[in-house]
Amino acid sequence: MGLVHTSSTVGTSVVTVVPVATGGEYNFIAIANNGSGTVYLKMVPSTVTLTASNGVPLASGASLLLDQDVTPILVAGVSAVCDTGATTTIAVQAY
């Protein structure tokens, strides 16, 4: 499993913000939306393209904390995108 500690700008193109874990699973994931726009997250292993219509919204100033010590649930990583014309900045930590 890798260590992730980064800040990223998210726009209208889908980006991976937490890569698929290799050599184990993540025990903890924190994603904070530090920007001004809403970001939409995809946290499931599917072939459906992430959009603002089908992603899980994380509003400006909001955070998502996942403690997966018992049963890891995010085994496919996390992707993010903003709606048309929007951008935001997110901070991510995972181990």
PDB file of N, CA and C in Angstrom:
ATOM      1  N   MET A   1       0.850  -1.163   0.000  1.00  0.00           N
ATOM      2  CA  MET A   1       0.000   0.000   0.000  1.00  0.00           C
ATOM      3  C   MET A   1       0.898   1.228   0.000  1.00  0.00           C
ATOM      4  N   GLY A   2       0.440   2.272  -0.675  1.00  0.00           N
ATOM      5  CA  GLY A   2       1.214   3.494  -0.756  1.00  0.00           C
ATOM      6  C   GLY A   2       0.746   4.536   0.234  1.00  0.00           C
ATOM      7  N   LEU A   3       1.569   5.527   0.414  1.00  0.00           N
ATOM      8  CA  LEU A   3       1.234   6.678   1.242  1.00  0.00           C
ATOM      9  C   LEU A   3       0.890   7.829   0.308  1.00  0.00           C
ATOM     10  N   VAL A   4      -0.222   8.490   0.549  1.00  0.00           N
ATOM     11  CA  VAL A   4      -0.642   9.624  -0.267  1.00  0.00           C
ATOM     12  C   VAL A   4      -0.741  10.837   0.648  1.00  0.00           C
ATOM     13  N   HIS A   5      -0.075  11.923   0.257  1.00  0.00           N
ATOM     14  CA  HIS A   5      -0.134  13.180   1.011  1.00  0.00           C
ATOM     15  C   HIS A   5       0.056  14.292  -0.006  1.00  0.00           C
ATOM     16  N   THR A   6      -1.052  14.829  -0.541  1.00  0.00           N
ATOM     17  CA  THR A   6      -0.946  15.737  -1.670  1.00  0.00           C
ATOM     18  C   THR A   6      -2.073  16.764  -1.682  1.00  0.00           C
ATOM     19  N   SER A   7      -1.884  17.783  -2.486  1.00  0.00           N
ATOM     20  CA  SER A   7      -2.917  18.764  -2.775  1.00  0.00           C
ATOM     21  C   SER A   7      -3.033  18.836  -4.290  1.00  0.00           C
ATOM     22  N   SER A   8      -4.254  18.846  -4.805  1.00  0.00           N
ATOM     23  CA  SER A   8      -4.463  18.828  -6.248  1.00  0.00           C
ATOM     24  C   SER A   8      -5.553  19.801  -6.646  1.00  0.00           C
ATOM     25  N   THR A   9      -5.373  20.391  -7.828  1.00  0.00           N
ATOM     26  CA  THR A   9      -6.437  21.179  -8.427  1.00  0.00           C
ATOM     27  C   THR A   9      -7.278  20.241  -9.275  1.00  0.00           C
ATOM     28  N   VAL A  10      -8.585  20.314  -9.111  1.00  0.00           N
ATOM     29  CA  VAL A  10      -9.505  19.468  -9.865  1.00  0.00           C
ATOM     30  C   VAL A  10     -10.345  20.369 -10.749  1.00  0.00           C
ATOM     31  N   GLY A  11     -10.450  20.000 -12.007  1.00  0.00           N
ATOM     32  CA  GLY A  11     -11.257  20.742 -12.960  1.00  0.00           C
ATOM     33  C   GLY A  11     -12.285  19.832 -13.602  1.00  0.00           C
ATOM     34  N   THR A  12     -12.539  20.049 -14.879  1.00  0.00           N
ATOM     35  CA  THR A  12     -13.594  19.312 -15.566  1.00  0.00           C
ATOM     36  C   THR A  12     -13.125  17.998 -16.179  1.00  0.00           C
ATOM     37  N   SER A  13     -11.852  17.675 -16.042  1.00  0.00           N
ATOM     38  CA  SER A  13     -11.339  16.368 -16.461  1.00  0.00           C
ATOM     39  C   SER A  13     -11.187  15.479 -15.239  1.00  0.00           C
ATOM     40  N   VAL A  14     -11.596  14.240 -15.347  1.00  0.00           N
ATOM     41  CA  VAL A  14     -11.513  13.300 -14.223  1.00  0.00           C
ATOM     42  C   VAL A  14     -10.047  13.044 -13.884  1.00  0.00           C
ATOM     43  N   VAL A  15      -9.730  13.148 -12.585  1.00  0.00           N
ATOM     44  CA  VAL A  15      -8.376  12.866 -12.102  1.00  0.00           C
ATOM     45  C   VAL A  15      -8.451  11.850 -10.969  1.00  0.00           C
ATOM     46  N   THR A  16      -7.427  11.041 -10.857  1.00  0.00           N
ATOM     47  CA  THR A  16      -7.316  10.105  -9.737  1.00  0.00           C
ATOM     48  C   THR A  16      -6.673  10.844  -8.579  1.00  0.00           C
ATOM     49  N   VAL A  17      -7.349  10.884  -7.443  1.00  0.00           N
ATOM     50  CA  VAL A  17      -6.804  11.582  -6.277  1.00  0.00           C
ATOM     51  C   VAL A  17      -6.280  10.609  -5.220  1.00  0.00           C
ATOM     52  N   VAL A  18      -6.767   9.382  -5.225  1.00  0.00           N
ATOM     53  CA  VAL A  18      -6.213   8.309  -4.399  1.00  0.00           C
ATOM     54  C   VAL A  18      -6.041   7.114  -5.338  1.00  0.00           C
ATOM     55  N   PRO A  19      -4.804   6.743  -5.642  1.00  0.00           N
ATOM     56  CA  PRO A  19      -4.605   5.626  -6.565  1.00  0.00           C
ATOM     57  C   PRO A  19      -5.016   4.295  -5.946  1.00  0.00           C
ATOM     58  N   VAL A  20      -5.223   3.300  -6.797  1.00  0.00           N
ATOM     59  CA  VAL A  20      -5.503   1.948  -6.317  1.00  0.00           C
ATOM     60  C   VAL A  20      -4.340   1.508  -5.439  1.00  0.00           C
ATOM     61  N   ALA A  21      -4.645   0.975  -4.282  1.00  0.00           N
ATOM     62  CA  ALA A  21      -3.604   0.520  -3.359  1.00  0.00           C
ATOM     63  C   ALA A  21      -2.926  -0.731  -3.908  1.00  0.00           C
ATOM     64  N   THR A  22      -1.628  -0.771  -3.805  1.00  0.00           N
ATOM     65  CA  THR A  22      -0.875  -1.955  -4.207  1.00  0.00           C
ATOM     66  C   THR A  22      -0.143  -2.511  -2.999  1.00  0.00           C
ATOM     67  N   GLY A  23      -0.129  -3.805  -2.860  1.00  0.00           N
ATOM     68  CA  GLY A  23       0.550  -4.422  -1.730  1.00  0.00           C
ATOM     69  C   GLY A  23      -0.191  -4.278  -0.417  1.00  0.00           C
ATOM     70  N   GLY A  24      -1.495  -4.144  -0.460  1.00  0.00           N
ATOM     71  CA  GLY A  24      -2.315  -3.970   0.734  1.00  0.00           C
ATOM     72  C   GLY A  24      -3.396  -2.949   0.461  1.00  0.00           C
ATOM     73  N   GLU A  25      -4.170  -2.622   1.438  1.00  0.00           N
ATOM     74  CA  GLU A  25      -5.266  -1.673   1.287  1.00  0.00           C
ATOM     75  C   GLU A  25      -5.018  -0.471   2.186  1.00  0.00           C
ATOM     76  N   TYR A  26      -5.645   0.650   1.857  1.00  0.00           N
ATOM     77  CA  TYR A  26      -5.564   1.833   2.707  1.00  0.00           C
ATOM     78  C   TYR A  26      -6.350   1.601   3.992  1.00  0.00           C
ATOM     79  N   ASN A  27      -5.783   2.041   5.111  1.00  0.00           N
ATOM     80  CA  ASN A  27      -6.484   1.962   6.387  1.00  0.00           C
ATOM     81  C   ASN A  27      -7.227   3.252   6.708  1.00  0.00           C
ATOM     82  N   PHE A  28      -6.782   4.362   6.126  1.00  0.00           N
ATOM     83  CA  PHE A  28      -7.346   5.668   6.429  1.00  0.00           C
ATOM     84  C   PHE A  28      -7.272   6.538   5.184  1.00  0.00           C
ATOM     85  N   ILE A  29      -8.360   7.230   4.881  1.00  0.00           N
ATOM     86  CA  ILE A  29      -8.378   8.183   3.762  1.00  0.00           C
ATOM     87  C   ILE A  29      -9.075   9.451   4.238  1.00  0.00           C
ATOM     88  N   ALA A  30      -8.443  10.598   3.991  1.00  0.00           N
ATOM     89  CA  ALA A  30      -9.035  11.902   4.284  1.00  0.00           C
ATOM     90  C   ALA A  30      -8.979  12.739   3.017  1.00  0.00           C
ATOM     91  N   ILE A  31     -10.115  13.321   2.639  1.00  0.00           N
ATOM     92  CA  ILE A  31     -10.187  14.209   1.482  1.00  0.00           C
ATOM     93  C   ILE A  31     -10.883  15.483   1.948  1.00  0.00           C
ATOM     94  N   ALA A  32     -10.224  16.631   1.758  1.00  0.00           N
ATOM     95  CA  ALA A  32     -10.797  17.920   2.141  1.00  0.00           C
ATOM     96  C   ALA A  32     -10.902  18.811   0.912  1.00  0.00           C
ATOM     97  N   ASN A  33     -12.039  19.439   0.753  1.00  0.00           N
ATOM     98  CA  ASN A  33     -12.234  20.368  -0.349  1.00  0.00           C
ATOM     99  C   ASN A  33     -11.872  21.763   0.148  1.00  0.00           C
ATOM    100  N   ASN A  34     -10.667  22.212  -0.166  1.00  0.00           N
ATOM    101  CA  ASN A  34     -10.163  23.507   0.294  1.00  0.00           C
ATOM    102  C   ASN A  34     -10.443  24.630  -0.695  1.00  0.00           C
ATOM    103  N   GLY A  35     -11.021  24.299  -1.834  1.00  0.00           N
ATOM    104  CA  GLY A  35     -11.293  25.297  -2.855  1.00  0.00           C
ATOM    105  C   GLY A  35     -12.699  25.854  -2.757  1.00  0.00           C
ATOM    106  N   SER A  36     -13.088  26.605  -3.793  1.00  0.00           N
ATOM    107  CA  SER A  36     -14.382  27.282  -3.767  1.00  0.00           C
ATOM    108  C   SER A  36     -15.493  26.524  -4.488  1.00  0.00           C
ATOM    109  N   GLY A  37     -15.151  25.515  -5.287  1.00  0.00           N
ATOM    110  CA  GLY A  37     -16.165  24.779  -6.034  1.00  0.00           C
ATOM    111  C   GLY A  37     -16.479  23.440  -5.405  1.00  0.00           C
ATOM    112  N   THR A  38     -17.596  22.852  -5.787  1.00  0.00           N
ATOM    113  CA  THR A  38     -17.948  21.501  -5.349  1.00  0.00           C
ATOM    114  C   THR A  38     -17.193  20.496  -6.205  1.00  0.00           C
ATOM    115  N   VAL A  39     -16.651  19.468  -5.566  1.00  0.00           N
ATOM    116  CA  VAL A  39     -15.975  18.384  -6.280  1.00  0.00           C
ATOM    117  C   VAL A  39     -16.868  17.149  -6.174  1.00  0.00           C
ATOM    118  N   TYR A  40     -16.838  16.325  -7.198  1.00  0.00           N
ATOM    119  CA  TYR A  40     -17.649  15.100  -7.238  1.00  0.00           C
ATOM    120  C   TYR A  40     -16.710  13.909  -7.254  1.00  0.00           C
ATOM    121  N   LEU A  41     -16.968  12.947  -6.365  1.00  0.00           N
ATOM    122  CA  LEU A  41     -16.065  11.820  -6.158  1.00  0.00           C
ATOM    123  C   LEU A  41     -16.664  10.503  -6.646  1.00  0.00           C
ATOM    124  N   LYS A  42     -15.793   9.639  -7.129  1.00  0.00           N
ATOM    125  CA  LYS A  42     -16.155   8.263  -7.488  1.00  0.00           C
ATOM    126  C   LYS A  42     -15.285   7.360  -6.640  1.00  0.00           C
ATOM    127  N   MET A  43     -15.928   6.471  -5.873  1.00  0.00           N
ATOM    128  CA  MET A  43     -15.203   5.626  -4.927  1.00  0.00           C
ATOM    129  C   MET A  43     -15.487   4.143  -5.139  1.00  0.00           C
ATOM    130  N   VAL A  44     -16.042   3.791  -6.287  1.00  0.00           N
ATOM    131  CA  VAL A  44     -16.388   2.397  -6.563  1.00  0.00           C
ATOM    132  C   VAL A  44     -15.667   1.914  -7.815  1.00  0.00           C
ATOM    133  N   PRO A  45     -15.364   0.623  -7.865  1.00  0.00           N
ATOM    134  CA  PRO A  45     -14.718   0.070  -9.058  1.00  0.00           C
ATOM    135  C   PRO A  45     -15.758  -0.185 -10.151  1.00  0.00           C
ATOM    136  N   SER A  46     -15.903   0.752 -11.073  1.00  0.00           N
ATOM    137  CA  SER A  46     -16.839   0.561 -12.172  1.00  0.00           C
ATOM    138  C   SER A  46     -16.277   1.189 -13.427  1.00  0.00           C
ATOM    139  N   THR A  47     -16.840   0.832 -14.545  1.00  0.00           N
ATOM    140  CA  THR A  47     -16.403   1.392 -15.817  1.00  0.00           C
ATOM    141  C   THR A  47     -17.204   2.632 -16.199  1.00  0.00           C
ATOM    142  N   VAL A  48     -18.149   3.032 -15.368  1.00  0.00           N
ATOM    143  CA  VAL A  48     -18.956   4.220 -15.637  1.00  0.00           C
ATOM    144  C   VAL A  48     -18.082   5.464 -15.457  1.00  0.00           C
ATOM    145  N   THR A  49     -18.102   6.353 -16.425  1.00  0.00           N
ATOM    146  CA  THR A  49     -17.324   7.586 -16.362  1.00  0.00           C
ATOM    147  C   THR A  49     -17.908   8.526 -15.309  1.00  0.00           C
ATOM    148  N   LEU A  50     -17.033   9.047 -14.453  1.00  0.00           N
ATOM    149  CA  LEU A  50     -17.450   9.981 -13.402  1.00  0.00           C
ATOM    150  C   LEU A  50     -17.889  11.304 -14.014  1.00  0.00           C
ATOM    151  N   THR A  51     -19.030  11.831 -13.537  1.00  0.00           N
ATOM    152  CA  THR A  51     -19.521  13.154 -13.933  1.00  0.00           C
ATOM    153  C   THR A  51     -20.088  13.845 -12.693  1.00  0.00           C
ATOM    154  N   ALA A  52     -20.422  15.115 -12.840  1.00  0.00           N
ATOM    155  CA  ALA A  52     -21.077  15.832 -11.747  1.00  0.00           C
ATOM    156  C   ALA A  52     -22.462  15.259 -11.477  1.00  0.00           C
ATOM    157  N   SER A  53     -23.049  14.586 -12.444  1.00  0.00           N
ATOM    158  CA  SER A  53     -24.388  14.011 -12.268  1.00  0.00           C
ATOM    159  C   SER A  53     -24.387  12.713 -11.482  1.00  0.00           C
ATOM    160  N   ASN A  54     -23.279  11.946 -11.526  1.00  0.00           N
ATOM    161  CA  ASN A  54     -23.283  10.648 -10.847  1.00  0.00           C
ATOM    162  C   ASN A  54     -22.252  10.531  -9.729  1.00  0.00           C
ATOM    163  N   GLY A  55     -21.469  11.591  -9.482  1.00  0.00           N
ATOM    164  CA  GLY A  55     -20.478  11.546  -8.412  1.00  0.00           C
ATOM    165  C   GLY A  55     -21.066  11.939  -7.072  1.00  0.00           C
ATOM    166  N   VAL A  56     -20.344  11.610  -6.023  1.00  0.00           N
ATOM    167  CA  VAL A  56     -20.739  11.989  -4.658  1.00  0.00           C
ATOM    168  C   VAL A  56     -20.212  13.400  -4.409  1.00  0.00           C
ATOM    169  N   PRO A  57     -21.092  14.390  -4.165  1.00  0.00           N
ATOM    170  CA  PRO A  57     -20.619  15.767  -4.017  1.00  0.00           C
ATOM    171  C   PRO A  57     -19.910  16.018  -2.684  1.00  0.00           C
ATOM    172  N   LEU A  58     -18.828  16.775  -2.764  1.00  0.00           N
ATOM    173  CA  LEU A  58     -18.116  17.239  -1.577  1.00  0.00           C
ATOM    174  C   LEU A  58     -18.011  18.756  -1.719  1.00  0.00           C
ATOM    175  N   ALA A  59     -18.827  19.469  -0.967  1.00  0.00           N
ATOM    176  CA  ALA A  59     -18.930  20.923  -1.085  1.00  0.00           C
ATOM    177  C   ALA A  59     -17.667  21.622  -0.612  1.00  0.00           C
ATOM    178  N   SER A  60     -17.513  22.851  -1.019  1.00  0.00           N
ATOM    179  CA  SER A  60     -16.406  23.684  -0.569  1.00  0.00           C
ATOM    180  C   SER A  60     -16.379  23.720   0.958  1.00  0.00           C
ATOM    181  N   GLY A  61     -15.211  23.479   1.538  1.00  0.00           N
ATOM    182  CA  GLY A  61     -15.057  23.494   2.993  1.00  0.00           C
ATOM    183  C   GLY A  61     -15.384  22.178   3.676  1.00  0.00           C
ATOM    184  N   ALA A  62     -15.913  21.205   2.932  1.00  0.00           N
ATOM    185  CA  ALA A  62     -16.289  19.917   3.525  1.00  0.00           C
ATOM    186  C   ALA A  62     -15.120  18.932   3.474  1.00  0.00           C
ATOM    187  N   SER A  63     -15.182  17.939   4.352  1.00  0.00           N
ATOM    188  CA  SER A  63     -14.167  16.887   4.407  1.00  0.00           C
ATOM    189  C   SER A  63     -14.835  15.527   4.456  1.00  0.00           C
ATOM    190  N   LEU A  64     -14.109  14.534   3.972  1.00  0.00           N
ATOM    191  CA  LEU A  64     -14.552  13.146   4.009  1.00  0.00           C
ATOM    192  C   LEU A  64     -13.460  12.347   4.691  1.00  0.00           C
ATOM    193  N   LEU A  65     -13.790  11.690   5.806  1.00  0.00           N
ATOM    194  CA  LEU A  65     -12.828  10.871   6.538  1.00  0.00           C
ATOM    195  C   LEU A  65     -13.312   9.437   6.552  1.00  0.00           C
ATOM    196  N   LEU A  66     -12.447   8.517   6.159  1.00  0.00           N
ATOM    197  CA  LEU A  66     -12.790   7.096   6.137  1.00  0.00           C
ATOM    198  C   LEU A  66     -11.736   6.313   6.895  1.00  0.00           C
ATOM    199  N   ASP A  67     -12.139   5.662   7.968  1.00  0.00           N
ATOM    200  CA  ASP A  67     -11.261   4.798   8.749  1.00  0.00           C
ATOM    201  C   ASP A  67     -11.623   3.372   8.382  1.00  0.00           C
ATOM    202  N   GLN A  68     -10.712   2.683   7.722  1.00  0.00           N
ATOM    203  CA  GLN A  68     -10.997   1.351   7.180  1.00  0.00           C
ATOM    204  C   GLN A  68     -10.199   0.264   7.887  1.00  0.00           C
ATOM    205  N   ASP A  69      -9.929   0.418   9.161  1.00  0.00           N
ATOM    206  CA  ASP A  69      -9.102  -0.557   9.863  1.00  0.00           C
ATOM    207  C   ASP A  69      -9.691  -1.958   9.869  1.00  0.00           C
ATOM    208  N   VAL A  70     -10.994  -2.073   9.979  1.00  0.00           N
ATOM    209  CA  VAL A  70     -11.614  -3.384  10.107  1.00  0.00           C
ATOM    210  C   VAL A  70     -11.833  -4.031   8.756  1.00  0.00           C
ATOM    211  N   THR A  71     -12.536  -3.348   7.871  1.00  0.00           N
ATOM    212  CA  THR A  71     -12.842  -3.886   6.553  1.00  0.00           C
ATOM    213  C   THR A  71     -12.602  -2.814   5.501  1.00  0.00           C
ATOM    214  N   PRO A  72     -11.506  -2.916   4.750  1.00  0.00           N
ATOM    215  CA  PRO A  72     -11.259  -1.919   3.702  1.00  0.00           C
ATOM    216  C   PRO A  72     -12.391  -1.900   2.680  1.00  0.00           C
ATOM    217  N   ILE A  73     -12.895  -0.699   2.384  1.00  0.00           N
ATOM    218  CA  ILE A  73     -13.998  -0.604   1.437  1.00  0.00           C
ATOM    219  C   ILE A  73     -13.611   0.123   0.153  1.00  0.00           C
ATOM    220  N   LEU A  74     -12.616   0.974   0.188  1.00  0.00           N
ATOM    221  CA  LEU A  74     -12.210   1.690  -1.020  1.00  0.00           C
ATOM    222  C   LEU A  74     -11.004   1.000  -1.644  1.00  0.00           C
ATOM    223  N   VAL A  75     -11.253  -0.062  -2.358  1.00  0.00           N
ATOM    224  CA  VAL A  75     -10.171  -0.848  -2.938  1.00  0.00           C
ATOM    225  C   VAL A  75      -9.807  -0.397  -4.351  1.00  0.00           C
ATOM    226  N   ALA A  76     -10.610   0.503  -4.943  1.00  0.00           N
ATOM    227  CA  ALA A  76     -10.375   0.934  -6.318  1.00  0.00           C
ATOM    228  C   ALA A  76      -9.852   2.365  -6.400  1.00  0.00           C
ATOM    229  N   GLY A  77      -9.456   2.947  -5.274  1.00  0.00           N
ATOM    230  CA  GLY A  77      -9.001   4.325  -5.286  1.00  0.00           C
ATOM    231  C   GLY A  77     -10.165   5.297  -5.338  1.00  0.00           C
ATOM    232  N   VAL A  78      -9.854   6.579  -5.549  1.00  0.00           N
ATOM    233  CA  VAL A  78     -10.870   7.627  -5.599  1.00  0.00           C
ATOM    234  C   VAL A  78     -10.547   8.554  -6.768  1.00  0.00           C
ATOM    235  N   SER A  79     -11.569   8.874  -7.555  1.00  0.00           N
ATOM    236  CA  SER A  79     -11.446   9.828  -8.657  1.00  0.00           C
ATOM    237  C   SER A  79     -12.276  11.061  -8.329  1.00  0.00           C
ATOM    238  N   ALA A  80     -11.925  12.189  -8.978  1.00  0.00           N
ATOM    239  CA  ALA A  80     -12.631  13.445  -8.714  1.00  0.00           C
ATOM    240  C   ALA A  80     -12.813  14.235  -9.997  1.00  0.00           C
ATOM    241  N   VAL A  81     -13.869  15.050 -10.022  1.00  0.00           N
ATOM    242  CA  VAL A  81     -14.140  15.945 -11.152  1.00  0.00           C
ATOM    243  C   VAL A  81     -15.011  17.095 -10.656  1.00  0.00           C
ATOM    244  N   CYS A  82     -14.947  18.223 -11.351  1.00  0.00           N
ATOM    245  CA  CYS A  82     -15.846  19.348 -11.081  1.00  0.00           C
ATOM    246  C   CYS A  82     -16.832  19.482 -12.232  1.00  0.00           C
ATOM    247  N   ASP A  83     -17.896  20.231 -11.991  1.00  0.00           N
ATOM    248  CA  ASP A  83     -18.904  20.479 -13.025  1.00  0.00           C
ATOM    249  C   ASP A  83     -18.329  21.438 -14.079  1.00  0.00           C
ATOM    250  N   THR A  84     -18.996  21.535 -15.179  1.00  0.00           N
ATOM    251  CA  THR A  84     -18.565  22.371 -16.301  1.00  0.00           C
ATOM    252  C   THR A  84     -18.200  23.786 -15.852  1.00  0.00           C
ATOM    253  N   GLY A  85     -16.995  24.220 -16.212  1.00  0.00           N
ATOM    254  CA  GLY A  85     -16.543  25.563 -15.901  1.00  0.00           C
ATOM    255  C   GLY A  85     -16.047  25.782 -14.487  1.00  0.00           C
ATOM    256  N   ALA A  86     -16.052  24.769 -13.646  1.00  0.00           N
ATOM    257  CA  ALA A  86     -15.655  24.922 -12.243  1.00  0.00           C
ATOM    258  C   ALA A  86     -14.305  24.278 -11.972  1.00  0.00           C
ATOM    259  N   THR A  87     -13.634  24.739 -10.928  1.00  0.00           N
ATOM    260  CA  THR A  87     -12.415  24.112 -10.407  1.00  0.00           C
ATOM    261  C   THR A  87     -12.440  24.222  -8.893  1.00  0.00           C
ATOM    262  N   THR A  88     -11.625  23.426  -8.263  1.00  0.00           N
ATOM    263  CA  THR A  88     -11.465  23.503  -6.824  1.00  0.00           C
ATOM    264  C   THR A  88     -10.124  22.879  -6.463  1.00  0.00           C
ATOM    265  N   THR A  89      -9.711  23.017  -5.233  1.00  0.00           N
ATOM    266  CA  THR A  89      -8.472  22.422  -4.744  1.00  0.00           C
ATOM    267  C   THR A  89      -8.819  21.463  -3.618  1.00  0.00           C
ATOM    268  N   ILE A  90      -8.282  20.260  -3.689  1.00  0.00           N
ATOM    269  CA  ILE A  90      -8.518  19.299  -2.618  1.00  0.00           C
ATOM    270  C   ILE A  90      -7.197  18.832  -2.026  1.00  0.00           C
ATOM    271  N   ALA A  91      -7.238  18.528  -0.748  1.00  0.00           N
ATOM    272  CA  ALA A  91      -6.101  17.952  -0.050  1.00  0.00           C
ATOM    273  C   ALA A  91      -6.447  16.507   0.275  1.00  0.00           C
ATOM    274  N   VAL A  92      -5.479  15.610   0.088  1.00  0.00           N
ATOM    275  CA  VAL A  92      -5.724  14.179   0.287  1.00  0.00           C
ATOM    276  C   VAL A  92      -4.599  13.593   1.130  1.00  0.00           C
ATOM    277  N   GLN A  93      -5.005  12.782   2.108  1.00  0.00           N
ATOM    278  CA  GLN A  93      -4.050  11.989   2.869  1.00  0.00           C
ATOM    279  C   GLN A  93      -4.613  10.577   2.971  1.00  0.00           C
ATOM    280  N   ALA A  94      -3.749   9.604   2.735  1.00  0.00           N
ATOM    281  CA  ALA A  94      -4.175   8.203   2.834  1.00  0.00           C
ATOM    282  C   ALA A  94      -2.965   7.356   3.188  1.00  0.00           C
ATOM    283  N   TYR A  95      -3.216   6.306   3.955  1.00  0.00           N
ATOM    284  CA  TYR A  95      -2.166   5.327   4.242  1.00  0.00           C
ATOM    285  C   TYR A  95      -2.770   3.966   4.421  1.00  0.00           C
TER     286      TYR A  95
END
